[in-house]
Structure formats: structure tokens, C-alpha cells
C-alpha atoms as a PDB file:
ATOM      1  CA  MET A   1     -36.360   2.415  -6.360  1.00  0.00           C
ATOM      2  CA  PRO A   2     -34.957   0.467  -3.377  1.00  0.00           C
ATOM      3  CA  THR A   3     -35.452  -2.676  -5.060  1.00  0.00           C
ATOM      4  CA  ILE A   4     -33.764  -1.259  -8.248  1.00  0.00           C
ATOM      5  CA  LYS A   5     -30.385  -0.680  -5.902  1.00  0.00           C
ATOM      6  CA  LYS A   6     -30.786  -4.057  -4.277  1.00  0.00           C
ATOM      7  CA  LEU A   7     -30.698  -5.649  -7.618  1.00  0.00           C
ATOM      8  CA  ALA A   8     -27.783  -3.588  -8.957  1.00  0.00           C
ATOM      9  CA  ASP A   9     -25.925  -4.789  -5.634  1.00  0.00           C
ATOM     10  CA  ALA A  10     -26.893  -8.549  -6.744  1.00  0.00           C
ATOM     11  CA  ARG A  11     -25.735  -7.895 -10.020  1.00  0.00           C
ATOM     12  CA  ASP A  12     -22.291  -6.160  -8.493  1.00  0.00           C
ATOM     13  CA  VAL A  13     -21.661  -9.103  -6.141  1.00  0.00           C
ATOM     14  CA  ILE A  14     -22.031 -11.640  -8.790  1.00  0.00           C
ATOM     15  CA  LEU A  15     -20.237 -10.614 -11.298  1.00  0.00           C
ATOM     16  CA  HIS A  16     -17.544  -9.588  -7.959  1.00  0.00           C
ATOM     17  CA  GLU A  17     -17.463 -13.988  -7.803  1.00  0.00           C
ATOM     18  CA  LEU A  18     -17.244 -14.679 -11.208  1.00  0.00           C
ATOM     19  CA  ILE A  19     -14.258 -12.974 -11.256  1.00  0.00           C
ATOM     20  CA  LEU A  20     -13.006 -14.732  -8.206  1.00  0.00           C
ATOM     21  CA  HIS A  21     -13.134 -17.867 -10.172  1.00  0.00           C
ATOM     22  CA  GLU A  22     -11.846 -16.839 -12.762  1.00  0.00           C
ATOM     23  CA  LEU A  23      -8.856 -15.239 -11.670  1.00  0.00           C
ATOM     24  CA  ILE A  24      -8.173 -18.497  -8.955  1.00  0.00           C
ATOM     25  CA  GLY A  25      -9.057 -21.122 -12.077  1.00  0.00           C
ATOM     26  CA  HIS A  26      -6.101 -19.148 -14.109  1.00  0.00           C
ATOM     27  CA  LEU A  27      -4.315 -18.539 -10.879  1.00  0.00           C
ATOM     28  CA  SER A  28      -4.352 -22.885 -10.400  1.00  0.00           C
ATOM     29  CA  CYS A  29      -3.388 -23.211 -14.144  1.00  0.00           C
ATOM     30  CA  ALA A  30      -0.639 -21.131 -14.059  1.00  0.00           C
ATOM     31  CA  VAL A  31       0.835 -23.071 -10.211  1.00  0.00           C
ATOM     32  CA  VAL A  32       0.333 -26.318 -11.975  1.00  0.00           C
ATOM     33  CA  THR A  33       2.279 -25.136 -15.320  1.00  0.00           C
ATOM     34  CA  VAL A  34       4.265 -24.013 -13.440  1.00  0.00           C
ATOM     35  CA  LYS A  35       4.717 -27.311 -11.139  1.00  0.00           C
ATOM     36  CA  SER A  36       5.181 -29.552 -13.973  1.00  0.00           C
END
């Protein structure tokens, strides 16, 4: 069972990273659009 828990945690972390990456990308695009 602990192994499955670790996998779930790793998946959550990866999802979190991906979501943050997406958000930062969108924010950067928005900033560039506003400035130009």
C-alpha cells in the first residue's frame, strides 16, 4: 500500500507542477499582450 500512496503523491506533485506551469505561461502571455 505505501508504494501506491507514493505514486499518488508523485502524481499530485506532477499535476501541480503542470498546472503552475500552465498558469505562469498564461500570465506571461497576458502581461506581454497588455504591454504591447
